[in-house]
Amino acid sequence: MQNSDYIELIKLLKATNVAETGAHAKQIVEEGQVQVNGQPELRKRAKLPRGSIVQVFDTTITIT
């Protein structure tokens, strides 16, 4: 994670190569394919703090 206390959801998807581009990341979120801490997340720019667990398709990402 960068020097901040959070990362935006679409930036996380791009940084972890879950999404190929920003547009692809937005599409994944809009289609309801993302869960944050077990809950559906439809906000593309949701600010995710450390400790958040993101599930996309068969990938789980823990923000540290």
C-alpha atoms as a PDB file:
ATOM      1  CA  MET A   1       0.000   0.000   0.000  1.00  0.00           C
ATOM      2  CA  GLN A   2       1.110   3.543  -0.580  1.00  0.00           C
ATOM      3  CA  ASN A   3       1.908   6.024   2.200  1.00  0.00           C
ATOM      4  CA  SER A   4      -1.764   6.595   2.999  1.00  0.00           C
ATOM      5  CA  ASP A   5      -4.137   4.786   5.311  1.00  0.00           C
ATOM      6  CA  TYR A   6      -6.357   3.523   2.498  1.00  0.00           C
ATOM      7  CA  ILE A   7      -6.435   2.575  -1.177  1.00  0.00           C
ATOM      8  CA  GLU A   8      -9.287   3.116  -3.616  1.00  0.00           C
ATOM      9  CA  LEU A   9     -10.955  -0.066  -4.821  1.00  0.00           C
ATOM     10  CA  ILE A  10     -10.287   0.384  -8.541  1.00  0.00           C
ATOM     11  CA  LYS A  11      -6.644   1.241  -7.856  1.00  0.00           C
ATOM     12  CA  LEU A  12      -6.315  -1.936  -5.786  1.00  0.00           C
ATOM     13  CA  LEU A  13      -7.770  -4.041  -8.597  1.00  0.00           C
ATOM     14  CA  LYS A  14      -5.273  -2.575 -11.062  1.00  0.00           C
ATOM     15  CA  ALA A  15      -2.286  -2.810  -8.686  1.00  0.00           C
ATOM     16  CA  THR A  16      -2.935  -6.495  -7.994  1.00  0.00           C
ATOM     17  CA  ASN A  17      -3.482  -7.276 -11.698  1.00  0.00           C
ATOM     18  CA  VAL A  18      -7.047  -8.447 -11.077  1.00  0.00           C
ATOM     19  CA  ALA A  19      -8.058  -5.838 -13.675  1.00  0.00           C
ATOM     20  CA  GLU A  20      -6.059  -5.087 -16.799  1.00  0.00           C
ATOM     21  CA  THR A  21      -7.075  -1.421 -16.997  1.00  0.00           C
ATOM     22  CA  GLY A  22      -9.000   1.186 -15.044  1.00  0.00           C
ATOM     23  CA  ALA A  23     -11.997   0.652 -17.304  1.00  0.00           C
ATOM     24  CA  HIS A  24     -11.853  -3.087 -16.655  1.00  0.00           C
ATOM     25  CA  ALA A  25     -11.671  -2.436 -12.889  1.00  0.00           C
ATOM     26  CA  LYS A  26     -14.749  -0.189 -13.067  1.00  0.00           C
ATOM     27  CA  GLN A  27     -16.629  -2.816 -15.053  1.00  0.00           C
ATOM     28  CA  ILE A  28     -15.837  -5.544 -12.500  1.00  0.00           C
ATOM     29  CA  VAL A  29     -17.169  -3.356  -9.684  1.00  0.00           C
ATOM     30  CA  GLU A  30     -20.270  -2.228 -11.618  1.00  0.00           C
ATOM     31  CA  GLU A  31     -21.137  -5.862 -12.379  1.00  0.00           C
ATOM     32  CA  GLY A  32     -21.167  -6.668  -8.651  1.00  0.00           C
ATOM     33  CA  GLN A  33     -18.195  -9.032  -8.784  1.00  0.00           C
ATOM     34  CA  VAL A  34     -16.462  -7.513  -5.724  1.00  0.00           C
ATOM     35  CA  GLN A  35     -17.024  -8.135  -2.030  1.00  0.00           C
ATOM     36  CA  VAL A  36     -15.288  -6.200   0.731  1.00  0.00           C
ATOM     37  CA  ASN A  37     -15.290  -7.815   4.160  1.00  0.00           C
ATOM     38  CA  GLY A  38     -18.031 -10.192   3.006  1.00  0.00           C
ATOM     39  CA  GLN A  39     -20.346  -7.462   1.677  1.00  0.00           C
ATOM     40  CA  PRO A  40     -21.003  -6.509  -1.965  1.00  0.00           C
ATOM     41  CA  GLU A  41     -19.190  -3.303  -2.926  1.00  0.00           C
ATOM     42  CA  LEU A  42     -20.472  -1.212  -5.843  1.00  0.00           C
ATOM     43  CA  ARG A  43     -18.537   2.003  -5.137  1.00  0.00           C
ATOM     44  CA  LYS A  44     -15.636   2.164  -7.580  1.00  0.00           C
ATOM     45  CA  ARG A  45     -13.675   4.614  -5.458  1.00  0.00           C
ATOM     46  CA  ALA A  46     -14.471   3.055  -2.090  1.00  0.00           C
ATOM     47  CA  LYS A  47     -11.623   3.848   0.297  1.00  0.00           C
ATOM     48  CA  LEU A  48     -10.373   0.582   1.735  1.00  0.00           C
ATOM     49  CA  PRO A  49      -8.394   0.764   4.987  1.00  0.00           C
ATOM     50  CA  ARG A  50      -5.696  -1.648   6.100  1.00  0.00           C
ATOM     51  CA  GLY A  51      -7.135  -4.965   7.197  1.00  0.00           C
ATOM     52  CA  SER A  52      -9.877  -4.997   4.564  1.00  0.00           C
ATOM     53  CA  ILE A  53     -10.434  -8.297   2.783  1.00  0.00           C
ATOM     54  CA  VAL A  54     -11.444  -8.015  -0.862  1.00  0.00           C
ATOM     55  CA  GLN A  55     -12.828 -10.950  -2.837  1.00  0.00           C
ATOM     56  CA  VAL A  56     -13.009 -10.816  -6.622  1.00  0.00           C
ATOM     57  CA  PHE A  57     -13.886 -13.940  -8.581  1.00  0.00           C
ATOM     58  CA  ASP A  58     -11.606 -16.617  -7.038  1.00  0.00           C
ATOM     59  CA  THR A  59      -9.040 -14.122  -5.718  1.00  0.00           C
ATOM     60  CA  THR A  60      -8.826 -12.889  -2.119  1.00  0.00           C
ATOM     61  CA  ILE A  61      -6.772  -9.772  -1.345  1.00  0.00           C
ATOM     62  CA  THR A  62      -5.941  -8.696   2.207  1.00  0.00           C
ATOM     63  CA  ILE A  63      -4.829  -5.093   2.494  1.00  0.00           C
ATOM     64  CA  THR A  64      -1.802  -4.770   4.777  1.00  0.00           C
END
